[in-house]
Amino acid sequence: MKMNWVQIVKAVFELFPVIIAAIKAIELLFPESNKGAEKLALVRDVIIDIDADAKENWPLIEKIIGKVVSFCNAMGIFKTTKEVTE
């Protein structure tokens, strides 16, 4: 059954806290800069290991993660490796 746009928006915002928590956990464990592709692959692998059907929704999840990470970087929420070691 295909979801309409309202159902999709609702589902995204229900997942939003989980996505943010996952990003924060990975950044805490792996604060290194320029490792975004590896961090994203870790999130993808975990999500798909939990539910293989999530693979069809991965493009949307990936976009949301990208937007959250970009926002956090712009707001200075995530520290670079240099900042962490100083």
PDB file of N, CA and C in Angstrom:
ATOM      1  N   MET A   1       0.826  -1.181   0.000  1.00  0.00           N
ATOM      2  CA  MET A   1       0.000   0.000   0.000  1.00  0.00           C
ATOM      3  C   MET A   1       0.876   1.253   0.000  1.00  0.00           C
ATOM      4  N   LYS A   2       0.665   2.107  -0.967  1.00  0.00           N
ATOM      5  CA  LYS A   2       1.446   3.333  -1.088  1.00  0.00           C
ATOM      6  C   LYS A   2       0.909   4.385  -0.124  1.00  0.00           C
ATOM      7  N   MET A   3       1.826   5.047   0.581  1.00  0.00           N
ATOM      8  CA  MET A   3       1.427   6.083   1.528  1.00  0.00           C
ATOM      9  C   MET A   3       1.237   7.410   0.803  1.00  0.00           C
ATOM     10  N   ASN A   4       0.285   8.202   1.271  1.00  0.00           N
ATOM     11  CA  ASN A   4       0.148   9.544   0.711  1.00  0.00           C
ATOM     12  C   ASN A   4       1.142  10.469   1.402  1.00  0.00           C
ATOM     13  N   TRP A   5       1.246  11.684   0.931  1.00  0.00           N
ATOM     14  CA  TRP A   5       2.275  12.588   1.442  1.00  0.00           C
ATOM     15  C   TRP A   5       2.084  12.909   2.918  1.00  0.00           C
ATOM     16  N   VAL A   6       0.866  12.976   3.407  1.00  0.00           N
ATOM     17  CA  VAL A   6       0.625  13.255   4.821  1.00  0.00           C
ATOM     18  C   VAL A   6       1.148  12.098   5.679  1.00  0.00           C
ATOM     19  N   GLN A   7       0.910  10.877   5.247  1.00  0.00           N
ATOM     20  CA  GLN A   7       1.404   9.712   5.980  1.00  0.00           C
ATOM     21  C   GLN A   7       2.931   9.676   5.975  1.00  0.00           C
ATOM     22  N   ILE A   8       3.530  10.056   4.855  1.00  0.00           N
ATOM     23  CA  ILE A   8       4.996  10.085   4.754  1.00  0.00           C
ATOM     24  C   ILE A   8       5.569  11.132   5.707  1.00  0.00           C
ATOM     25  N   VAL A   9       4.984  12.330   5.705  1.00  0.00           N
ATOM     26  CA  VAL A   9       5.461  13.394   6.598  1.00  0.00           C
ATOM     27  C   VAL A   9       5.321  12.957   8.057  1.00  0.00           C
ATOM     28  N   LYS A  10       4.193  12.369   8.396  1.00  0.00           N
ATOM     29  CA  LYS A  10       3.979  11.897   9.766  1.00  0.00           C
ATOM     30  C   LYS A  10       5.029  10.847  10.140  1.00  0.00           C
ATOM     31  N   ALA A  11       5.272   9.899   9.257  1.00  0.00           N
ATOM     32  CA  ALA A  11       6.257   8.849   9.528  1.00  0.00           C
ATOM     33  C   ALA A  11       7.653   9.436   9.695  1.00  0.00           C
ATOM     34  N   VAL A  12       8.007  10.401   8.860  1.00  0.00           N
ATOM     35  CA  VAL A  12       9.332  11.029   8.951  1.00  0.00           C
ATOM     36  C   VAL A  12       9.496  11.713  10.301  1.00  0.00           C
ATOM     37  N   PHE A  13       8.497  12.475  10.716  1.00  0.00           N
ATOM     38  CA  PHE A  13       8.628  13.190  11.984  1.00  0.00           C
ATOM     39  C   PHE A  13       8.541  12.264  13.193  1.00  0.00           C
ATOM     40  N   GLU A  14       7.930  11.120  13.042  1.00  0.00           N
ATOM     41  CA  GLU A  14       7.960  10.129  14.120  1.00  0.00           C
ATOM     42  C   GLU A  14       9.361   9.525  14.237  1.00  0.00           C
ATOM     43  N   LEU A  15      10.037   9.382  13.117  1.00  0.00           N
ATOM     44  CA  LEU A  15      11.395   8.831  13.116  1.00  0.00           C
ATOM     45  C   LEU A  15      12.465   9.874  13.424  1.00  0.00           C
ATOM     46  N   PHE A  16      12.134  11.131  13.327  1.00  0.00           N
ATOM     47  CA  PHE A  16      13.107  12.200  13.473  1.00  0.00           C
ATOM     48  C   PHE A  16      13.932  12.094  14.755  1.00  0.00           C
ATOM     49  N   PRO A  17      13.326  11.894  15.921  1.00  0.00           N
ATOM     50  CA  PRO A  17      14.138  11.764  17.147  1.00  0.00           C
ATOM     51  C   PRO A  17      15.099  10.572  17.097  1.00  0.00           C
ATOM     52  N   VAL A  18      14.669   9.493  16.470  1.00  0.00           N
ATOM     53  CA  VAL A  18      15.526   8.305  16.360  1.00  0.00           C
ATOM     54  C   VAL A  18      16.701   8.595  15.440  1.00  0.00           C
ATOM     55  N   ILE A  19      16.441   9.265  14.330  1.00  0.00           N
ATOM     56  CA  ILE A  19      17.506   9.619  13.388  1.00  0.00           C
ATOM     57  C   ILE A  19      18.510  10.552  14.059  1.00  0.00           C
ATOM     58  N   ILE A  20      18.024  11.552  14.768  1.00  0.00           N
ATOM     59  CA  ILE A  20      18.919  12.487  15.463  1.00  0.00           C
ATOM     60  C   ILE A  20      19.747  11.765  16.523  1.00  0.00           C
ATOM     61  N   ALA A  21      19.128  10.876  17.271  1.00  0.00           N
ATOM     62  CA  ALA A  21      19.862  10.121  18.297  1.00  0.00           C
ATOM     63  C   ALA A  21      20.951   9.262  17.671  1.00  0.00           C
ATOM     64  N   ALA A  22      20.659   8.641  16.541  1.00  0.00           N
ATOM     65  CA  ALA A  22      21.654   7.805  15.856  1.00  0.00           C
ATOM     66  C   ALA A  22      22.826   8.651  15.378  1.00  0.00           C
ATOM     67  N   ILE A  23      22.533   9.798  14.799  1.00  0.00           N
ATOM     68  CA  ILE A  23      23.597  10.685  14.307  1.00  0.00           C
ATOM     69  C   ILE A  23      24.460  11.160  15.472  1.00  0.00           C
ATOM     70  N   LYS A  24      23.831  11.578  16.557  1.00  0.00           N
ATOM     71  CA  LYS A  24      24.585  12.048  17.714  1.00  0.00           C
ATOM     72  C   LYS A  24      25.460  10.945  18.304  1.00  0.00           C
ATOM     73  N   ALA A  25      24.941   9.731  18.373  1.00  0.00           N
ATOM     74  CA  ALA A  25      25.712   8.614  18.918  1.00  0.00           C
ATOM     75  C   ALA A  25      26.934   8.331  18.054  1.00  0.00           C
ATOM     76  N   ILE A  26      26.753   8.330  16.757  1.00  0.00           N
ATOM     77  CA  ILE A  26      27.876   8.057  15.856  1.00  0.00           C
ATOM     78  C   ILE A  26      28.896   9.179  15.925  1.00  0.00           C
ATOM     79  N   GLU A  27      28.443  10.426  15.978  1.00  0.00           N
ATOM     80  CA  GLU A  27      29.377  11.547  16.082  1.00  0.00           C
ATOM     81  C   GLU A  27      30.147  11.521  17.401  1.00  0.00           C
ATOM     82  N   LEU A  28      29.488  11.078  18.456  1.00  0.00           N
ATOM     83  CA  LEU A  28      30.162  10.977  19.752  1.00  0.00           C
ATOM     84  C   LEU A  28      31.258   9.910  19.705  1.00  0.00           C
ATOM     85  N   LEU A  29      30.950   8.776  19.097  1.00  0.00           N
ATOM     86  CA  LEU A  29      31.921   7.690  19.010  1.00  0.00           C
ATOM     87  C   LEU A  29      33.024   7.956  17.985  1.00  0.00           C
ATOM     88  N   PHE A  30      32.651   8.609  16.880  1.00  0.00           N
ATOM     89  CA  PHE A  30      33.581   8.838  15.769  1.00  0.00           C
ATOM     90  C   PHE A  30      33.544  10.302  15.362  1.00  0.00           C
ATOM     91  N   PRO A  31      34.213  11.179  16.123  1.00  0.00           N
ATOM     92  CA  PRO A  31      34.140  12.613  15.830  1.00  0.00           C
ATOM     93  C   PRO A  31      35.009  13.064  14.652  1.00  0.00           C
ATOM     94  N   GLU A  32      35.736  12.151  14.036  1.00  0.00           N
ATOM     95  CA  GLU A  32      36.647  12.520  12.968  1.00  0.00           C
ATOM     96  C   GLU A  32      35.914  13.195  11.810  1.00  0.00           C
ATOM     97  N   SER A  33      36.529  14.233  11.277  1.00  0.00           N
ATOM     98  CA  SER A  33      35.997  14.911  10.100  1.00  0.00           C
ATOM     99  C   SER A  33      36.275  14.085   8.857  1.00  0.00           C
ATOM    100  N   ASN A  34      35.563  14.375   7.806  1.00  0.00           N
ATOM    101  CA  ASN A  34      35.751  13.739   6.496  1.00  0.00           C
ATOM    102  C   ASN A  34      35.522  12.229   6.520  1.00  0.00           C
ATOM    103  N   LYS A  35      34.682  11.770   7.411  1.00  0.00           N
ATOM    104  CA  LYS A  35      34.330  10.351   7.475  1.00  0.00           C
ATOM    105  C   LYS A  35      32.819  10.172   7.324  1.00  0.00           C
ATOM    106  N   GLY A  36      32.166  11.169   6.736  1.00  0.00           N
ATOM    107  CA  GLY A  36      30.717  11.144   6.596  1.00  0.00           C
ATOM    108  C   GLY A  36      30.191   9.936   5.841  1.00  0.00           C
ATOM    109  N   ALA A  37      30.884   9.550   4.770  1.00  0.00           N
ATOM    110  CA  ALA A  37      30.427   8.402   3.976  1.00  0.00           C
ATOM    111  C   ALA A  37      30.452   7.124   4.801  1.00  0.00           C
ATOM    112  N   GLU A  38      31.492   6.964   5.611  1.00  0.00           N
ATOM    113  CA  GLU A  38      31.599   5.773   6.450  1.00  0.00           C
ATOM    114  C   GLU A  38      30.528   5.776   7.545  1.00  0.00           C
ATOM    115  N   LYS A  39      30.284   6.942   8.136  1.00  0.00           N
ATOM    116  CA  LYS A  39      29.266   7.063   9.176  1.00  0.00           C
ATOM    117  C   LYS A  39      27.878   6.791   8.600  1.00  0.00           C
ATOM    118  N   LEU A  40      27.616   7.330   7.414  1.00  0.00           N
ATOM    119  CA  LEU A  40      26.332   7.110   6.753  1.00  0.00           C
ATOM    120  C   LEU A  40      26.153   5.634   6.410  1.00  0.00           C
ATOM    121  N   ALA A  41      27.212   4.992   5.945  1.00  0.00           N
ATOM    122  CA  ALA A  41      27.145   3.561   5.625  1.00  0.00           C
ATOM    123  C   ALA A  41      26.830   2.738   6.871  1.00  0.00           C
ATOM    124  N   LEU A  42      27.389   3.134   8.011  1.00  0.00           N
ATOM    125  CA  LEU A  42      27.098   2.435   9.264  1.00  0.00           C
ATOM    126  C   LEU A  42      25.614   2.537   9.611  1.00  0.00           C
ATOM    127  N   VAL A  43      25.061   3.742   9.509  1.00  0.00           N
ATOM    128  CA  VAL A  43      23.632   3.934   9.789  1.00  0.00           C
ATOM    129  C   VAL A  43      22.798   3.087   8.832  1.00  0.00           C
ATOM    130  N   ARG A  44      23.142   3.134   7.562  1.00  0.00           N
ATOM    131  CA  ARG A  44      22.400   2.368   6.556  1.00  0.00           C
ATOM    132  C   ARG A  44      22.438   0.877   6.869  1.00  0.00           C
ATOM    133  N   ASP A  45      23.618   0.367   7.141  1.00  0.00           N
ATOM    134  CA  ASP A  45      23.762  -1.064   7.408  1.00  0.00           C
ATOM    135  C   ASP A  45      22.950  -1.493   8.630  1.00  0.00           C
ATOM    136  N   VAL A  46      22.977  -0.679   9.674  1.00  0.00           N
ATOM    137  CA  VAL A  46      22.226  -1.018  10.886  1.00  0.00           C
ATOM    138  C   VAL A  46      20.729  -1.008  10.597  1.00  0.00           C
ATOM    139  N   ILE A  47      20.261   0.023   9.922  1.00  0.00           N
ATOM    140  CA  ILE A  47      18.826   0.116   9.615  1.00  0.00           C
ATOM    141  C   ILE A  47      18.381  -1.063   8.762  1.00  0.00           C
ATOM    142  N   ILE A  48      19.160  -1.408   7.752  1.00  0.00           N
ATOM    143  CA  ILE A  48      18.767  -2.494   6.852  1.00  0.00           C
ATOM    144  C   ILE A  48      18.925  -3.851   7.533  1.00  0.00           C
ATOM    145  N   ASP A  49      19.886  -3.973   8.460  1.00  0.00           N
ATOM    146  CA  ASP A  49      19.984  -5.213   9.237  1.00  0.00           C
ATOM    147  C   ASP A  49      18.756  -5.401  10.119  1.00  0.00           C
ATOM    148  N   ILE A  50      18.240  -4.306  10.651  1.00  0.00           N
ATOM    149  CA  ILE A  50      17.054  -4.374  11.498  1.00  0.00           C
ATOM    150  C   ILE A  50      15.821  -4.714  10.681  1.00  0.00           C
ATOM    151  N   ASP A  51      15.696  -4.093   9.509  1.00  0.00           N
ATOM    152  CA  ASP A  51      14.513  -4.303   8.677  1.00  0.00           C
ATOM    153  C   ASP A  51      14.896  -4.164   7.205  1.00  0.00           C
ATOM    154  N   ALA A  52      14.984  -5.283   6.512  1.00  0.00           N
ATOM    155  CA  ALA A  52      15.388  -5.278   5.109  1.00  0.00           C
ATOM    156  C   ALA A  52      14.445  -4.459   4.241  1.00  0.00           C
ATOM    157  N   ASP A  53      13.190  -4.335   4.654  1.00  0.00           N
ATOM    158  CA  ASP A  53      12.237  -3.532   3.886  1.00  0.00           C
ATOM    159  C   ASP A  53      12.596  -2.051   3.913  1.00  0.00           C
ATOM    160  N   ALA A  54      13.415  -1.628   4.863  1.00  0.00           N
ATOM    161  CA  ALA A  54      13.832  -0.231   4.950  1.00  0.00           C
ATOM    162  C   ALA A  54      14.681   0.166   3.746  1.00  0.00           C
ATOM    163  N   LYS A  55      15.217  -0.822   3.054  1.00  0.00           N
ATOM    164  CA  LYS A  55      16.059  -0.536   1.894  1.00  0.00           C
ATOM    165  C   LYS A  55      15.311   0.315   0.868  1.00  0.00           C
ATOM    166  N   GLU A  56      14.014   0.053   0.687  1.00  0.00           N
ATOM    167  CA  GLU A  56      13.254   0.826  -0.301  1.00  0.00           C
ATOM    168  C   GLU A  56      13.057   2.270   0.139  1.00  0.00           C
ATOM    169  N   ASN A  57      13.123   2.528   1.446  1.00  0.00           N
ATOM    170  CA  ASN A  57      12.981   3.892   1.953  1.00  0.00           C
ATOM    171  C   ASN A  57      14.316   4.575   2.218  1.00  0.00           C
ATOM    172  N   TRP A  58      15.415   3.882   1.963  1.00  0.00           N
ATOM    173  CA  TRP A  58      16.728   4.435   2.260  1.00  0.00           C
ATOM    174  C   TRP A  58      16.986   5.781   1.574  1.00  0.00           C
ATOM    175  N   PRO A  59      16.617   5.980   0.302  1.00  0.00           N
ATOM    176  CA  PRO A  59      16.898   7.295  -0.306  1.00  0.00           C
ATOM    177  C   PRO A  59      16.296   8.465   0.490  1.00  0.00           C
ATOM    178  N   LEU A  60      15.100   8.298   1.006  1.00  0.00           N
ATOM    179  CA  LEU A  60      14.473   9.356   1.809  1.00  0.00           C
ATOM    180  C   LEU A  60      15.196   9.510   3.146  1.00  0.00           C
ATOM    181  N   ILE A  61      15.502   8.403   3.784  1.00  0.00           N
ATOM    182  CA  ILE A  61      16.218   8.445   5.067  1.00  0.00           C
ATOM    183  C   ILE A  61      17.571   9.122   4.885  1.00  0.00           C
ATOM    184  N   GLU A  62      18.258   8.779   3.811  1.00  0.00           N
ATOM    185  CA  GLU A  62      19.573   9.367   3.528  1.00  0.00           C
ATOM    186  C   GLU A  62      19.470  10.884   3.354  1.00  0.00           C
ATOM    187  N   LYS A  63      18.452  11.352   2.659  1.00  0.00           N
ATOM    188  CA  LYS A  63      18.258  12.798   2.480  1.00  0.00           C
ATOM    189  C   LYS A  63      18.021  13.480   3.818  1.00  0.00           C
ATOM    190  N   ILE A  64      17.217  12.864   4.647  1.00  0.00           N
ATOM    191  CA  ILE A  64      16.914  13.449   5.961  1.00  0.00           C
ATOM    192  C   ILE A  64      18.180  13.513   6.807  1.00  0.00           C
ATOM    193  N   ILE A  65      18.950  12.441   6.809  1.00  0.00           N
ATOM    194  CA  ILE A  65      20.208  12.434   7.564  1.00  0.00           C
ATOM    195  C   ILE A  65      21.133  13.535   7.053  1.00  0.00           C
ATOM    196  N   GLY A  66      21.221  13.673   5.747  1.00  0.00           N
ATOM    197  CA  GLY A  66      22.060  14.720   5.156  1.00  0.00           C
ATOM    198  C   GLY A  66      21.647  16.107   5.605  1.00  0.00           C
ATOM    199  N   LYS A  67      20.354  16.345   5.642  1.00  0.00           N
ATOM    200  CA  LYS A  67      19.852  17.656   6.065  1.00  0.00           C
ATOM    201  C   LYS A  67      20.141  17.904   7.548  1.00  0.00           C
ATOM    202  N   VAL A  68      19.950  16.888   8.385  1.00  0.00           N
ATOM    203  CA  VAL A  68      20.214  17.034   9.819  1.00  0.00           C
ATOM    204  C   VAL A  68      21.705  17.291  10.050  1.00  0.00           C
ATOM    205  N   VAL A  69      22.566  16.531   9.392  1.00  0.00           N
ATOM    206  CA  VAL A  69      24.012  16.716   9.560  1.00  0.00           C
ATOM    207  C   VAL A  69      24.443  18.096   9.068  1.00  0.00           C
ATOM    208  N   SER A  70      23.923  18.524   7.927  1.00  0.00           N
ATOM    209  CA  SER A  70      24.260  19.857   7.410  1.00  0.00           C
ATOM    210  C   SER A  70      23.842  20.951   8.389  1.00  0.00           C
ATOM    211  N   PHE A  71      22.647  20.805   8.942  1.00  0.00           N
ATOM    212  CA  PHE A  71      22.163  21.781   9.912  1.00  0.00           C
ATOM    213  C   PHE A  71      23.064  21.797  11.151  1.00  0.00           C
ATOM    214  N   CYS A  72      23.375  20.619  11.665  1.00  0.00           N
ATOM    215  CA  CYS A  72      24.227  20.528  12.857  1.00  0.00           C
ATOM    216  C   CYS A  72      25.609  21.109  12.594  1.00  0.00           C
ATOM    217  N   ASN A  73      26.150  20.857  11.418  1.00  0.00           N
ATOM    218  CA  ASN A  73      27.458  21.426  11.068  1.00  0.00           C
ATOM    219  C   ASN A  73      27.372  22.950  10.987  1.00  0.00           C
ATOM    220  N   ALA A  74      26.319  23.468  10.360  1.00  0.00           N
ATOM    221  CA  ALA A  74      26.157  24.915  10.222  1.00  0.00           C
ATOM    222  C   ALA A  74      25.976  25.591  11.584  1.00  0.00           C
ATOM    223  N   MET A  75      25.349  24.899  12.513  1.00  0.00           N
ATOM    224  CA  MET A  75      25.106  25.453  13.847  1.00  0.00           C
ATOM    225  C   MET A  75      26.288  25.219  14.791  1.00  0.00           C
ATOM    226  N   GLY A  76      27.313  24.501  14.328  1.00  0.00           N
ATOM    227  CA  GLY A  76      28.483  24.236  15.157  1.00  0.00           C
ATOM    228  C   GLY A  76      28.238  23.185  16.231  1.00  0.00           C
ATOM    229  N   ILE A  77      27.227  22.350  16.022  1.00  0.00           N
ATOM    230  CA  ILE A  77      26.893  21.329  17.020  1.00  0.00           C
ATOM    231  C   ILE A  77      27.936  20.221  17.036  1.00  0.00           C
ATOM    232  N   PHE A  78      28.386  19.827  15.866  1.00  0.00           N
ATOM    233  CA  PHE A  78      29.420  18.796  15.789  1.00  0.00           C
ATOM    234  C   PHE A  78      30.783  19.471  15.744  1.00  0.00           C
ATOM    235  N   LYS A  79      31.688  18.962  16.544  1.00  0.00           N
ATOM    236  CA  LYS A  79      33.041  19.497  16.588  1.00  0.00           C
ATOM    237  C   LYS A  79      33.926  18.738  15.611  1.00  0.00           C
ATOM    238  N   THR A  80      34.871  19.446  15.014  1.00  0.00           N
ATOM    239  CA  THR A  80      35.829  18.781  14.133  1.00  0.00           C
ATOM    240  C   THR A  80      36.839  18.037  14.987  1.00  0.00           C
ATOM    241  N   THR A  81      37.592  17.131  14.365  1.00  0.00           N
ATOM    242  CA  THR A  81      38.620  16.391  15.089  1.00  0.00           C
ATOM    243  C   THR A  81      39.599  17.333  15.763  1.00  0.00           C
ATOM    244  N   LYS A  82      39.973  18.385  15.064  1.00  0.00           N
ATOM    245  CA  LYS A  82      40.914  19.358  15.617  1.00  0.00           C
ATOM    246  C   LYS A  82      40.342  19.992  16.895  1.00  0.00           C
ATOM    247  N   GLU A  83      39.065  20.365  16.853  1.00  0.00           N
ATOM    248  CA  GLU A  83      38.435  20.987  18.023  1.00  0.00           C
ATOM    249  C   GLU A  83      38.336  20.010  19.188  1.00  0.00           C
ATOM    250  N   VAL A  84      38.104  18.736  18.907  1.00  0.00           N
ATOM    251  CA  VAL A  84      37.971  17.730  19.945  1.00  0.00           C
ATOM    252  C   VAL A  84      39.294  17.503  20.652  1.00  0.00           C
ATOM    253  N   THR A  85      40.412  17.542  19.911  1.00  0.00           N
ATOM    254  CA  THR A  85      41.711  17.230  20.487  1.00  0.00           C
ATOM    255  C   THR A  85      42.357  18.437  21.161  1.00  0.00           C
ATOM    256  N   GLU A  86      41.833  19.630  20.948  1.00  0.00           N
ATOM    257  CA  GLU A  86      42.419  20.829  21.557  1.00  0.00           C
ATOM    258  C   GLU A  86      41.983  21.001  22.998  1.00  0.00           C
TER     259      GLU A  86
END
